[in-house]
Amino acid sequence: VSEEFYDVEARMRNKKQEESRLLK
């Protein structure tokens, strides 16, 4: 599950950045 793990981790990081921009 290494590939899926890193993919989910990257998507979550991007979504958190999008959330921070929306909050700003």
PDBML (XML) file of the C-alpha atoms, coordinates in Angstrom:
<?xml version="1.0" encoding="UTF-8" ?>
<PDBx:datablock datablockName="MODEL"
   xmlns:PDBx="http://pdbml.pdb.org/schema/pdbx-v50.xsd"
   xmlns:xsi="http://www.w3.org/2001/XMLSchema-instance"
   xsi:schemaLocation="http://pdbml.pdb.org/schema/pdbx-v50.xsd pdbx-v50.xsd">
   <PDBx:atom_siteCategory>
      <PDBx:atom_site id="1">
         <PDBx:B_iso_or_equiv>0.00</PDBx:B_iso_or_equiv>
         <PDBx:Cartn_x>0.000</PDBx:Cartn_x>
         <PDBx:Cartn_y>0.000</PDBx:Cartn_y>
         <PDBx:Cartn_z>0.000</PDBx:Cartn_z>
         <PDBx:auth_asym_id>A</PDBx:auth_asym_id>
         <PDBx:auth_atom_id>CA</PDBx:auth_atom_id>
         <PDBx:auth_comp_id>VAL</PDBx:auth_comp_id>
         <PDBx:auth_seq_id>1</PDBx:auth_seq_id>
         <PDBx:group_PDB>ATOM</PDBx:group_PDB>
         <PDBx:label_alt_id xsi:nil="true" />
         <PDBx:label_asym_id>A</PDBx:label_asym_id>
         <PDBx:label_atom_id>CA</PDBx:label_atom_id>
         <PDBx:label_comp_id>VAL</PDBx:label_comp_id>
         <PDBx:label_entity_id>1</PDBx:label_entity_id>
         <PDBx:label_seq_id>1</PDBx:label_seq_id>
         <PDBx:occupancy>1.00</PDBx:occupancy>
         <PDBx:pdbx_PDB_model_num>1</PDBx:pdbx_PDB_model_num>
         <PDBx:type_symbol>C</PDBx:type_symbol>
      </PDBx:atom_site>
      <PDBx:atom_site id="2">
         <PDBx:B_iso_or_equiv>0.00</PDBx:B_iso_or_equiv>
         <PDBx:Cartn_x>3.054</PDBx:Cartn_x>
         <PDBx:Cartn_y>2.259</PDBx:Cartn_y>
         <PDBx:Cartn_z>-0.261</PDBx:Cartn_z>
         <PDBx:auth_asym_id>A</PDBx:auth_asym_id>
         <PDBx:auth_atom_id>CA</PDBx:auth_atom_id>
         <PDBx:auth_comp_id>SER</PDBx:auth_comp_id>
         <PDBx:auth_seq_id>2</PDBx:auth_seq_id>
         <PDBx:group_PDB>ATOM</PDBx:group_PDB>
         <PDBx:label_alt_id xsi:nil="true" />
         <PDBx:label_asym_id>A</PDBx:label_asym_id>
         <PDBx:label_atom_id>CA</PDBx:label_atom_id>
         <PDBx:label_comp_id>SER</PDBx:label_comp_id>
         <PDBx:label_entity_id>1</PDBx:label_entity_id>
         <PDBx:label_seq_id>2</PDBx:label_seq_id>
         <PDBx:occupancy>1.00</PDBx:occupancy>
         <PDBx:pdbx_PDB_model_num>1</PDBx:pdbx_PDB_model_num>
         <PDBx:type_symbol>C</PDBx:type_symbol>
      </PDBx:atom_site>
      <PDBx:atom_site id="3">
         <PDBx:B_iso_or_equiv>0.00</PDBx:B_iso_or_equiv>
         <PDBx:Cartn_x>1.907</PDBx:Cartn_x>
         <PDBx:Cartn_y>3.959</PDBx:Cartn_y>
         <PDBx:Cartn_z>-3.489</PDBx:Cartn_z>
         <PDBx:auth_asym_id>A</PDBx:auth_asym_id>
         <PDBx:auth_atom_id>CA</PDBx:auth_atom_id>
         <PDBx:auth_comp_id>GLU</PDBx:auth_comp_id>
         <PDBx:auth_seq_id>3</PDBx:auth_seq_id>
         <PDBx:group_PDB>ATOM</PDBx:group_PDB>
         <PDBx:label_alt_id xsi:nil="true" />
         <PDBx:label_asym_id>A</PDBx:label_asym_id>
         <PDBx:label_atom_id>CA</PDBx:label_atom_id>
         <PDBx:label_comp_id>GLU</PDBx:label_comp_id>
         <PDBx:label_entity_id>1</PDBx:label_entity_id>
         <PDBx:label_seq_id>3</PDBx:label_seq_id>
         <PDBx:occupancy>1.00</PDBx:occupancy>
         <PDBx:pdbx_PDB_model_num>1</PDBx:pdbx_PDB_model_num>
         <PDBx:type_symbol>C</PDBx:type_symbol>
      </PDBx:atom_site>
      <PDBx:atom_site id="4">
         <PDBx:B_iso_or_equiv>0.00</PDBx:B_iso_or_equiv>
         <PDBx:Cartn_x>-1.591</PDBx:Cartn_x>
         <PDBx:Cartn_y>4.649</PDBx:Cartn_y>
         <PDBx:Cartn_z>-2.168</PDBx:Cartn_z>
         <PDBx:auth_asym_id>A</PDBx:auth_asym_id>
         <PDBx:auth_atom_id>CA</PDBx:auth_atom_id>
         <PDBx:auth_comp_id>GLU</PDBx:auth_comp_id>
         <PDBx:auth_seq_id>4</PDBx:auth_seq_id>
         <PDBx:group_PDB>ATOM</PDBx:group_PDB>
         <PDBx:label_alt_id xsi:nil="true" />
         <PDBx:label_asym_id>A</PDBx:label_asym_id>
         <PDBx:label_atom_id>CA</PDBx:label_atom_id>
         <PDBx:label_comp_id>GLU</PDBx:label_comp_id>
         <PDBx:label_entity_id>1</PDBx:label_entity_id>
         <PDBx:label_seq_id>4</PDBx:label_seq_id>
         <PDBx:occupancy>1.00</PDBx:occupancy>
         <PDBx:pdbx_PDB_model_num>1</PDBx:pdbx_PDB_model_num>
         <PDBx:type_symbol>C</PDBx:type_symbol>
      </PDBx:atom_site>
      <PDBx:atom_site id="5">
         <PDBx:B_iso_or_equiv>0.00</PDBx:B_iso_or_equiv>
         <PDBx:Cartn_x>-0.165</PDBx:Cartn_x>
         <PDBx:Cartn_y>5.851</PDBx:Cartn_y>
         <PDBx:Cartn_z>1.156</PDBx:Cartn_z>
         <PDBx:auth_asym_id>A</PDBx:auth_asym_id>
         <PDBx:auth_atom_id>CA</PDBx:auth_atom_id>
         <PDBx:auth_comp_id>PHE</PDBx:auth_comp_id>
         <PDBx:auth_seq_id>5</PDBx:auth_seq_id>
         <PDBx:group_PDB>ATOM</PDBx:group_PDB>
         <PDBx:label_alt_id xsi:nil="true" />
         <PDBx:label_asym_id>A</PDBx:label_asym_id>
         <PDBx:label_atom_id>CA</PDBx:label_atom_id>
         <PDBx:label_comp_id>PHE</PDBx:label_comp_id>
         <PDBx:label_entity_id>1</PDBx:label_entity_id>
         <PDBx:label_seq_id>5</PDBx:label_seq_id>
         <PDBx:occupancy>1.00</PDBx:occupancy>
         <PDBx:pdbx_PDB_model_num>1</PDBx:pdbx_PDB_model_num>
         <PDBx:type_symbol>C</PDBx:type_symbol>
      </PDBx:atom_site>
      <PDBx:atom_site id="6">
         <PDBx:B_iso_or_equiv>0.00</PDBx:B_iso_or_equiv>
         <PDBx:Cartn_x>2.042</PDBx:Cartn_x>
         <PDBx:Cartn_y>8.488</PDBx:Cartn_y>
         <PDBx:Cartn_z>-0.467</PDBx:Cartn_z>
         <PDBx:auth_asym_id>A</PDBx:auth_asym_id>
         <PDBx:auth_atom_id>CA</PDBx:auth_atom_id>
         <PDBx:auth_comp_id>TYR</PDBx:auth_comp_id>
         <PDBx:auth_seq_id>6</PDBx:auth_seq_id>
         <PDBx:group_PDB>ATOM</PDBx:group_PDB>
         <PDBx:label_alt_id xsi:nil="true" />
         <PDBx:label_asym_id>A</PDBx:label_asym_id>
         <PDBx:label_atom_id>CA</PDBx:label_atom_id>
         <PDBx:label_comp_id>TYR</PDBx:label_comp_id>
         <PDBx:label_entity_id>1</PDBx:label_entity_id>
         <PDBx:label_seq_id>6</PDBx:label_seq_id>
         <PDBx:occupancy>1.00</PDBx:occupancy>
         <PDBx:pdbx_PDB_model_num>1</PDBx:pdbx_PDB_model_num>
         <PDBx:type_symbol>C</PDBx:type_symbol>
      </PDBx:atom_site>
      <PDBx:atom_site id="7">
         <PDBx:B_iso_or_equiv>0.00</PDBx:B_iso_or_equiv>
         <PDBx:Cartn_x>-0.727</PDBx:Cartn_x>
         <PDBx:Cartn_y>9.497</PDBx:Cartn_y>
         <PDBx:Cartn_z>-2.886</PDBx:Cartn_z>
         <PDBx:auth_asym_id>A</PDBx:auth_asym_id>
         <PDBx:auth_atom_id>CA</PDBx:auth_atom_id>
         <PDBx:auth_comp_id>ASP</PDBx:auth_comp_id>
         <PDBx:auth_seq_id>7</PDBx:auth_seq_id>
         <PDBx:group_PDB>ATOM</PDBx:group_PDB>
         <PDBx:label_alt_id xsi:nil="true" />
         <PDBx:label_asym_id>A</PDBx:label_asym_id>
         <PDBx:label_atom_id>CA</PDBx:label_atom_id>
         <PDBx:label_comp_id>ASP</PDBx:label_comp_id>
         <PDBx:label_entity_id>1</PDBx:label_entity_id>
         <PDBx:label_seq_id>7</PDBx:label_seq_id>
         <PDBx:occupancy>1.00</PDBx:occupancy>
         <PDBx:pdbx_PDB_model_num>1</PDBx:pdbx_PDB_model_num>
         <PDBx:type_symbol>C</PDBx:type_symbol>
      </PDBx:atom_site>
      <PDBx:atom_site id="8">
         <PDBx:B_iso_or_equiv>0.00</PDBx:B_iso_or_equiv>
         <PDBx:Cartn_x>-3.243</PDBx:Cartn_x>
         <PDBx:Cartn_y>10.050</PDBx:Cartn_y>
         <PDBx:Cartn_z>-0.073</PDBx:Cartn_z>
         <PDBx:auth_asym_id>A</PDBx:auth_asym_id>
         <PDBx:auth_atom_id>CA</PDBx:auth_atom_id>
         <PDBx:auth_comp_id>VAL</PDBx:auth_comp_id>
         <PDBx:auth_seq_id>8</PDBx:auth_seq_id>
         <PDBx:group_PDB>ATOM</PDBx:group_PDB>
         <PDBx:label_alt_id xsi:nil="true" />
         <PDBx:label_asym_id>A</PDBx:label_asym_id>
         <PDBx:label_atom_id>CA</PDBx:label_atom_id>
         <PDBx:label_comp_id>VAL</PDBx:label_comp_id>
         <PDBx:label_entity_id>1</PDBx:label_entity_id>
         <PDBx:label_seq_id>8</PDBx:label_seq_id>
         <PDBx:occupancy>1.00</PDBx:occupancy>
         <PDBx:pdbx_PDB_model_num>1</PDBx:pdbx_PDB_model_num>
         <PDBx:type_symbol>C</PDBx:type_symbol>
      </PDBx:atom_site>
      <PDBx:atom_site id="9">
         <PDBx:B_iso_or_equiv>0.00</PDBx:B_iso_or_equiv>
         <PDBx:Cartn_x>-0.626</PDBx:Cartn_x>
         <PDBx:Cartn_y>11.904</PDBx:Cartn_y>
         <PDBx:Cartn_z>1.956</PDBx:Cartn_z>
         <PDBx:auth_asym_id>A</PDBx:auth_asym_id>
         <PDBx:auth_atom_id>CA</PDBx:auth_atom_id>
         <PDBx:auth_comp_id>GLU</PDBx:auth_comp_id>
         <PDBx:auth_seq_id>9</PDBx:auth_seq_id>
         <PDBx:group_PDB>ATOM</PDBx:group_PDB>
         <PDBx:label_alt_id xsi:nil="true" />
         <PDBx:label_asym_id>A</PDBx:label_asym_id>
         <PDBx:label_atom_id>CA</PDBx:label_atom_id>
         <PDBx:label_comp_id>GLU</PDBx:label_comp_id>
         <PDBx:label_entity_id>1</PDBx:label_entity_id>
         <PDBx:label_seq_id>9</PDBx:label_seq_id>
         <PDBx:occupancy>1.00</PDBx:occupancy>
         <PDBx:pdbx_PDB_model_num>1</PDBx:pdbx_PDB_model_num>
         <PDBx:type_symbol>C</PDBx:type_symbol>
      </PDBx:atom_site>
      <PDBx:atom_site id="10">
         <PDBx:B_iso_or_equiv>0.00</PDBx:B_iso_or_equiv>
         <PDBx:Cartn_x>0.115</PDBx:Cartn_x>
         <PDBx:Cartn_y>14.265</PDBx:Cartn_y>
         <PDBx:Cartn_z>-0.961</PDBx:Cartn_z>
         <PDBx:auth_asym_id>A</PDBx:auth_asym_id>
         <PDBx:auth_atom_id>CA</PDBx:auth_atom_id>
         <PDBx:auth_comp_id>ALA</PDBx:auth_comp_id>
         <PDBx:auth_seq_id>10</PDBx:auth_seq_id>
         <PDBx:group_PDB>ATOM</PDBx:group_PDB>
         <PDBx:label_alt_id xsi:nil="true" />
         <PDBx:label_asym_id>A</PDBx:label_asym_id>
         <PDBx:label_atom_id>CA</PDBx:label_atom_id>
         <PDBx:label_comp_id>ALA</PDBx:label_comp_id>
         <PDBx:label_entity_id>1</PDBx:label_entity_id>
         <PDBx:label_seq_id>10</PDBx:label_seq_id>
         <PDBx:occupancy>1.00</PDBx:occupancy>
         <PDBx:pdbx_PDB_model_num>1</PDBx:pdbx_PDB_model_num>
         <PDBx:type_symbol>C</PDBx:type_symbol>
      </PDBx:atom_site>
      <PDBx:atom_site id="11">
         <PDBx:B_iso_or_equiv>0.00</PDBx:B_iso_or_equiv>
         <PDBx:Cartn_x>-3.583</PDBx:Cartn_x>
         <PDBx:Cartn_y>14.895</PDBx:Cartn_y>
         <PDBx:Cartn_z>-1.678</PDBx:Cartn_z>
         <PDBx:auth_asym_id>A</PDBx:auth_asym_id>
         <PDBx:auth_atom_id>CA</PDBx:auth_atom_id>
         <PDBx:auth_comp_id>ARG</PDBx:auth_comp_id>
         <PDBx:auth_seq_id>11</PDBx:auth_seq_id>
         <PDBx:group_PDB>ATOM</PDBx:group_PDB>
         <PDBx:label_alt_id xsi:nil="true" />
         <PDBx:label_asym_id>A</PDBx:label_asym_id>
         <PDBx:label_atom_id>CA</PDBx:label_atom_id>
         <PDBx:label_comp_id>ARG</PDBx:label_comp_id>
         <PDBx:label_entity_id>1</PDBx:label_entity_id>
         <PDBx:label_seq_id>11</PDBx:label_seq_id>
         <PDBx:occupancy>1.00</PDBx:occupancy>
         <PDBx:pdbx_PDB_model_num>1</PDBx:pdbx_PDB_model_num>
         <PDBx:type_symbol>C</PDBx:type_symbol>
      </PDBx:atom_site>
      <PDBx:atom_site id="12">
         <PDBx:B_iso_or_equiv>0.00</PDBx:B_iso_or_equiv>
         <PDBx:Cartn_x>-4.249</PDBx:Cartn_x>
         <PDBx:Cartn_y>15.640</PDBx:Cartn_y>
         <PDBx:Cartn_z>1.974</PDBx:Cartn_z>
         <PDBx:auth_asym_id>A</PDBx:auth_asym_id>
         <PDBx:auth_atom_id>CA</PDBx:auth_atom_id>
         <PDBx:auth_comp_id>MET</PDBx:auth_comp_id>
         <PDBx:auth_seq_id>12</PDBx:auth_seq_id>
         <PDBx:group_PDB>ATOM</PDBx:group_PDB>
         <PDBx:label_alt_id xsi:nil="true" />
         <PDBx:label_asym_id>A</PDBx:label_asym_id>
         <PDBx:label_atom_id>CA</PDBx:label_atom_id>
         <PDBx:label_comp_id>MET</PDBx:label_comp_id>
         <PDBx:label_entity_id>1</PDBx:label_entity_id>
         <PDBx:label_seq_id>12</PDBx:label_seq_id>
         <PDBx:occupancy>1.00</PDBx:occupancy>
         <PDBx:pdbx_PDB_model_num>1</PDBx:pdbx_PDB_model_num>
         <PDBx:type_symbol>C</PDBx:type_symbol>
      </PDBx:atom_site>
      <PDBx:atom_site id="13">
         <PDBx:B_iso_or_equiv>0.00</PDBx:B_iso_or_equiv>
         <PDBx:Cartn_x>-1.355</PDBx:Cartn_x>
         <PDBx:Cartn_y>18.102</PDBx:Cartn_y>
         <PDBx:Cartn_z>2.073</PDBx:Cartn_z>
         <PDBx:auth_asym_id>A</PDBx:auth_asym_id>
         <PDBx:auth_atom_id>CA</PDBx:auth_atom_id>
         <PDBx:auth_comp_id>ARG</PDBx:auth_comp_id>
         <PDBx:auth_seq_id>13</PDBx:auth_seq_id>
         <PDBx:group_PDB>ATOM</PDBx:group_PDB>
         <PDBx:label_alt_id xsi:nil="true" />
         <PDBx:label_asym_id>A</PDBx:label_asym_id>
         <PDBx:label_atom_id>CA</PDBx:label_atom_id>
         <PDBx:label_comp_id>ARG</PDBx:label_comp_id>
         <PDBx:label_entity_id>1</PDBx:label_entity_id>
         <PDBx:label_seq_id>13</PDBx:label_seq_id>
         <PDBx:occupancy>1.00</PDBx:occupancy>
         <PDBx:pdbx_PDB_model_num>1</PDBx:pdbx_PDB_model_num>
         <PDBx:type_symbol>C</PDBx:type_symbol>
      </PDBx:atom_site>
      <PDBx:atom_site id="14">
         <PDBx:B_iso_or_equiv>0.00</PDBx:B_iso_or_equiv>
         <PDBx:Cartn_x>-2.700</PDBx:Cartn_x>
         <PDBx:Cartn_y>19.912</PDBx:Cartn_y>
         <PDBx:Cartn_z>-0.997</PDBx:Cartn_z>
         <PDBx:auth_asym_id>A</PDBx:auth_asym_id>
         <PDBx:auth_atom_id>CA</PDBx:auth_atom_id>
         <PDBx:auth_comp_id>ASN</PDBx:auth_comp_id>
         <PDBx:auth_seq_id>14</PDBx:auth_seq_id>
         <PDBx:group_PDB>ATOM</PDBx:group_PDB>
         <PDBx:label_alt_id xsi:nil="true" />
         <PDBx:label_asym_id>A</PDBx:label_asym_id>
         <PDBx:label_atom_id>CA</PDBx:label_atom_id>
         <PDBx:label_comp_id>ASN</PDBx:label_comp_id>
         <PDBx:label_entity_id>1</PDBx:label_entity_id>
         <PDBx:label_seq_id>14</PDBx:label_seq_id>
         <PDBx:occupancy>1.00</PDBx:occupancy>
         <PDBx:pdbx_PDB_model_num>1</PDBx:pdbx_PDB_model_num>
         <PDBx:type_symbol>C</PDBx:type_symbol>
      </PDBx:atom_site>
      <PDBx:atom_site id="15">
         <PDBx:B_iso_or_equiv>0.00</PDBx:B_iso_or_equiv>
         <PDBx:Cartn_x>-6.221</PDBx:Cartn_x>
         <PDBx:Cartn_y>20.051</PDBx:Cartn_y>
         <PDBx:Cartn_z>0.437</PDBx:Cartn_z>
         <PDBx:auth_asym_id>A</PDBx:auth_asym_id>
         <PDBx:auth_atom_id>CA</PDBx:auth_atom_id>
         <PDBx:auth_comp_id>LYS</PDBx:auth_comp_id>
         <PDBx:auth_seq_id>15</PDBx:auth_seq_id>
         <PDBx:group_PDB>ATOM</PDBx:group_PDB>
         <PDBx:label_alt_id xsi:nil="true" />
         <PDBx:label_asym_id>A</PDBx:label_asym_id>
         <PDBx:label_atom_id>CA</PDBx:label_atom_id>
         <PDBx:label_comp_id>LYS</PDBx:label_comp_id>
         <PDBx:label_entity_id>1</PDBx:label_entity_id>
         <PDBx:label_seq_id>15</PDBx:label_seq_id>
         <PDBx:occupancy>1.00</PDBx:occupancy>
         <PDBx:pdbx_PDB_model_num>1</PDBx:pdbx_PDB_model_num>
         <PDBx:type_symbol>C</PDBx:type_symbol>
      </PDBx:atom_site>
      <PDBx:atom_site id="16">
         <PDBx:B_iso_or_equiv>0.00</PDBx:B_iso_or_equiv>
         <PDBx:Cartn_x>-4.935</PDBx:Cartn_x>
         <PDBx:Cartn_y>21.528</PDBx:Cartn_y>
         <PDBx:Cartn_z>3.682</PDBx:Cartn_z>
         <PDBx:auth_asym_id>A</PDBx:auth_asym_id>
         <PDBx:auth_atom_id>CA</PDBx:auth_atom_id>
         <PDBx:auth_comp_id>LYS</PDBx:auth_comp_id>
         <PDBx:auth_seq_id>16</PDBx:auth_seq_id>
         <PDBx:group_PDB>ATOM</PDBx:group_PDB>
         <PDBx:label_alt_id xsi:nil="true" />
         <PDBx:label_asym_id>A</PDBx:label_asym_id>
         <PDBx:label_atom_id>CA</PDBx:label_atom_id>
         <PDBx:label_comp_id>LYS</PDBx:label_comp_id>
         <PDBx:label_entity_id>1</PDBx:label_entity_id>
         <PDBx:label_seq_id>16</PDBx:label_seq_id>
         <PDBx:occupancy>1.00</PDBx:occupancy>
         <PDBx:pdbx_PDB_model_num>1</PDBx:pdbx_PDB_model_num>
         <PDBx:type_symbol>C</PDBx:type_symbol>
      </PDBx:atom_site>
      <PDBx:atom_site id="17">
         <PDBx:B_iso_or_equiv>0.00</PDBx:B_iso_or_equiv>
         <PDBx:Cartn_x>-3.096</PDBx:Cartn_x>
         <PDBx:Cartn_y>24.210</PDBx:Cartn_y>
         <PDBx:Cartn_z>1.728</PDBx:Cartn_z>
         <PDBx:auth_asym_id>A</PDBx:auth_asym_id>
         <PDBx:auth_atom_id>CA</PDBx:auth_atom_id>
         <PDBx:auth_comp_id>GLN</PDBx:auth_comp_id>
         <PDBx:auth_seq_id>17</PDBx:auth_seq_id>
         <PDBx:group_PDB>ATOM</PDBx:group_PDB>
         <PDBx:label_alt_id xsi:nil="true" />
         <PDBx:label_asym_id>A</PDBx:label_asym_id>
         <PDBx:label_atom_id>CA</PDBx:label_atom_id>
         <PDBx:label_comp_id>GLN</PDBx:label_comp_id>
         <PDBx:label_entity_id>1</PDBx:label_entity_id>
         <PDBx:label_seq_id>17</PDBx:label_seq_id>
         <PDBx:occupancy>1.00</PDBx:occupancy>
         <PDBx:pdbx_PDB_model_num>1</PDBx:pdbx_PDB_model_num>
         <PDBx:type_symbol>C</PDBx:type_symbol>
      </PDBx:atom_site>
      <PDBx:atom_site id="18">
         <PDBx:B_iso_or_equiv>0.00</PDBx:B_iso_or_equiv>
         <PDBx:Cartn_x>-6.315</PDBx:Cartn_x>
         <PDBx:Cartn_y>24.955</PDBx:Cartn_y>
         <PDBx:Cartn_z>-0.185</PDBx:Cartn_z>
         <PDBx:auth_asym_id>A</PDBx:auth_asym_id>
         <PDBx:auth_atom_id>CA</PDBx:auth_atom_id>
         <PDBx:auth_comp_id>GLU</PDBx:auth_comp_id>
         <PDBx:auth_seq_id>18</PDBx:auth_seq_id>
         <PDBx:group_PDB>ATOM</PDBx:group_PDB>
         <PDBx:label_alt_id xsi:nil="true" />
         <PDBx:label_asym_id>A</PDBx:label_asym_id>
         <PDBx:label_atom_id>CA</PDBx:label_atom_id>
         <PDBx:label_comp_id>GLU</PDBx:label_comp_id>
         <PDBx:label_entity_id>1</PDBx:label_entity_id>
         <PDBx:label_seq_id>18</PDBx:label_seq_id>
         <PDBx:occupancy>1.00</PDBx:occupancy>
         <PDBx:pdbx_PDB_model_num>1</PDBx:pdbx_PDB_model_num>
         <PDBx:type_symbol>C</PDBx:type_symbol>
      </PDBx:atom_site>
      <PDBx:atom_site id="19">
         <PDBx:B_iso_or_equiv>0.00</PDBx:B_iso_or_equiv>
         <PDBx:Cartn_x>-8.176</PDBx:Cartn_x>
         <PDBx:Cartn_y>25.179</PDBx:Cartn_y>
         <PDBx:Cartn_z>3.099</PDBx:Cartn_z>
         <PDBx:auth_asym_id>A</PDBx:auth_asym_id>
         <PDBx:auth_atom_id>CA</PDBx:auth_atom_id>
         <PDBx:auth_comp_id>GLU</PDBx:auth_comp_id>
         <PDBx:auth_seq_id>19</PDBx:auth_seq_id>
         <PDBx:group_PDB>ATOM</PDBx:group_PDB>
         <PDBx:label_alt_id xsi:nil="true" />
         <PDBx:label_asym_id>A</PDBx:label_asym_id>
         <PDBx:label_atom_id>CA</PDBx:label_atom_id>
         <PDBx:label_comp_id>GLU</PDBx:label_comp_id>
         <PDBx:label_entity_id>1</PDBx:label_entity_id>
         <PDBx:label_seq_id>19</PDBx:label_seq_id>
         <PDBx:occupancy>1.00</PDBx:occupancy>
         <PDBx:pdbx_PDB_model_num>1</PDBx:pdbx_PDB_model_num>
         <PDBx:type_symbol>C</PDBx:type_symbol>
      </PDBx:atom_site>
      <PDBx:atom_site id="20">
         <PDBx:B_iso_or_equiv>0.00</PDBx:B_iso_or_equiv>
         <PDBx:Cartn_x>-5.595</PDBx:Cartn_x>
         <PDBx:Cartn_y>27.633</PDBx:Cartn_y>
         <PDBx:Cartn_z>4.474</PDBx:Cartn_z>
         <PDBx:auth_asym_id>A</PDBx:auth_asym_id>
         <PDBx:auth_atom_id>CA</PDBx:auth_atom_id>
         <PDBx:auth_comp_id>SER</PDBx:auth_comp_id>
         <PDBx:auth_seq_id>20</PDBx:auth_seq_id>
         <PDBx:group_PDB>ATOM</PDBx:group_PDB>
         <PDBx:label_alt_id xsi:nil="true" />
         <PDBx:label_asym_id>A</PDBx:label_asym_id>
         <PDBx:label_atom_id>CA</PDBx:label_atom_id>
         <PDBx:label_comp_id>SER</PDBx:label_comp_id>
         <PDBx:label_entity_id>1</PDBx:label_entity_id>
         <PDBx:label_seq_id>20</PDBx:label_seq_id>
         <PDBx:occupancy>1.00</PDBx:occupancy>
         <PDBx:pdbx_PDB_model_num>1</PDBx:pdbx_PDB_model_num>
         <PDBx:type_symbol>C</PDBx:type_symbol>
      </PDBx:atom_site>
      <PDBx:atom_site id="21">
         <PDBx:B_iso_or_equiv>0.00</PDBx:B_iso_or_equiv>
         <PDBx:Cartn_x>-5.987</PDBx:Cartn_x>
         <PDBx:Cartn_y>29.862</PDBx:Cartn_y>
         <PDBx:Cartn_z>1.421</PDBx:Cartn_z>
         <PDBx:auth_asym_id>A</PDBx:auth_asym_id>
         <PDBx:auth_atom_id>CA</PDBx:auth_atom_id>
         <PDBx:auth_comp_id>ARG</PDBx:auth_comp_id>
         <PDBx:auth_seq_id>21</PDBx:auth_seq_id>
         <PDBx:group_PDB>ATOM</PDBx:group_PDB>
         <PDBx:label_alt_id xsi:nil="true" />
         <PDBx:label_asym_id>A</PDBx:label_asym_id>
         <PDBx:label_atom_id>CA</PDBx:label_atom_id>
         <PDBx:label_comp_id>ARG</PDBx:label_comp_id>
         <PDBx:label_entity_id>1</PDBx:label_entity_id>
         <PDBx:label_seq_id>21</PDBx:label_seq_id>
         <PDBx:occupancy>1.00</PDBx:occupancy>
         <PDBx:pdbx_PDB_model_num>1</PDBx:pdbx_PDB_model_num>
         <PDBx:type_symbol>C</PDBx:type_symbol>
      </PDBx:atom_site>
      <PDBx:atom_site id="22">
         <PDBx:B_iso_or_equiv>0.00</PDBx:B_iso_or_equiv>
         <PDBx:Cartn_x>-9.770</PDBx:Cartn_x>
         <PDBx:Cartn_y>29.818</PDBx:Cartn_y>
         <PDBx:Cartn_z>1.736</PDBx:Cartn_z>
         <PDBx:auth_asym_id>A</PDBx:auth_asym_id>
         <PDBx:auth_atom_id>CA</PDBx:auth_atom_id>
         <PDBx:auth_comp_id>LEU</PDBx:auth_comp_id>
         <PDBx:auth_seq_id>22</PDBx:auth_seq_id>
         <PDBx:group_PDB>ATOM</PDBx:group_PDB>
         <PDBx:label_alt_id xsi:nil="true" />
         <PDBx:label_asym_id>A</PDBx:label_asym_id>
         <PDBx:label_atom_id>CA</PDBx:label_atom_id>
         <PDBx:label_comp_id>LEU</PDBx:label_comp_id>
         <PDBx:label_entity_id>1</PDBx:label_entity_id>
         <PDBx:label_seq_id>22</PDBx:label_seq_id>
         <PDBx:occupancy>1.00</PDBx:occupancy>
         <PDBx:pdbx_PDB_model_num>1</PDBx:pdbx_PDB_model_num>
         <PDBx:type_symbol>C</PDBx:type_symbol>
      </PDBx:atom_site>
      <PDBx:atom_site id="23">
         <PDBx:B_iso_or_equiv>0.00</PDBx:B_iso_or_equiv>
         <PDBx:Cartn_x>-9.533</PDBx:Cartn_x>
         <PDBx:Cartn_y>30.712</PDBx:Cartn_y>
         <PDBx:Cartn_z>5.434</PDBx:Cartn_z>
         <PDBx:auth_asym_id>A</PDBx:auth_asym_id>
         <PDBx:auth_atom_id>CA</PDBx:auth_atom_id>
         <PDBx:auth_comp_id>LEU</PDBx:auth_comp_id>
         <PDBx:auth_seq_id>23</PDBx:auth_seq_id>
         <PDBx:group_PDB>ATOM</PDBx:group_PDB>
         <PDBx:label_alt_id xsi:nil="true" />
         <PDBx:label_asym_id>A</PDBx:label_asym_id>
         <PDBx:label_atom_id>CA</PDBx:label_atom_id>
         <PDBx:label_comp_id>LEU</PDBx:label_comp_id>
         <PDBx:label_entity_id>1</PDBx:label_entity_id>
         <PDBx:label_seq_id>23</PDBx:label_seq_id>
         <PDBx:occupancy>1.00</PDBx:occupancy>
         <PDBx:pdbx_PDB_model_num>1</PDBx:pdbx_PDB_model_num>
         <PDBx:type_symbol>C</PDBx:type_symbol>
      </PDBx:atom_site>
      <PDBx:atom_site id="24">
         <PDBx:B_iso_or_equiv>0.00</PDBx:B_iso_or_equiv>
         <PDBx:Cartn_x>-7.211</PDBx:Cartn_x>
         <PDBx:Cartn_y>33.608</PDBx:Cartn_y>
         <PDBx:Cartn_z>4.587</PDBx:Cartn_z>
         <PDBx:auth_asym_id>A</PDBx:auth_asym_id>
         <PDBx:auth_atom_id>CA</PDBx:auth_atom_id>
         <PDBx:auth_comp_id>LYS</PDBx:auth_comp_id>
         <PDBx:auth_seq_id>24</PDBx:auth_seq_id>
         <PDBx:group_PDB>ATOM</PDBx:group_PDB>
         <PDBx:label_alt_id xsi:nil="true" />
         <PDBx:label_asym_id>A</PDBx:label_asym_id>
         <PDBx:label_atom_id>CA</PDBx:label_atom_id>
         <PDBx:label_comp_id>LYS</PDBx:label_comp_id>
         <PDBx:label_entity_id>1</PDBx:label_entity_id>
         <PDBx:label_seq_id>24</PDBx:label_seq_id>
         <PDBx:occupancy>1.00</PDBx:occupancy>
         <PDBx:pdbx_PDB_model_num>1</PDBx:pdbx_PDB_model_num>
         <PDBx:type_symbol>C</PDBx:type_symbol>
      </PDBx:atom_site>
   </PDBx:atom_siteCategory>
</PDBx:datablock>
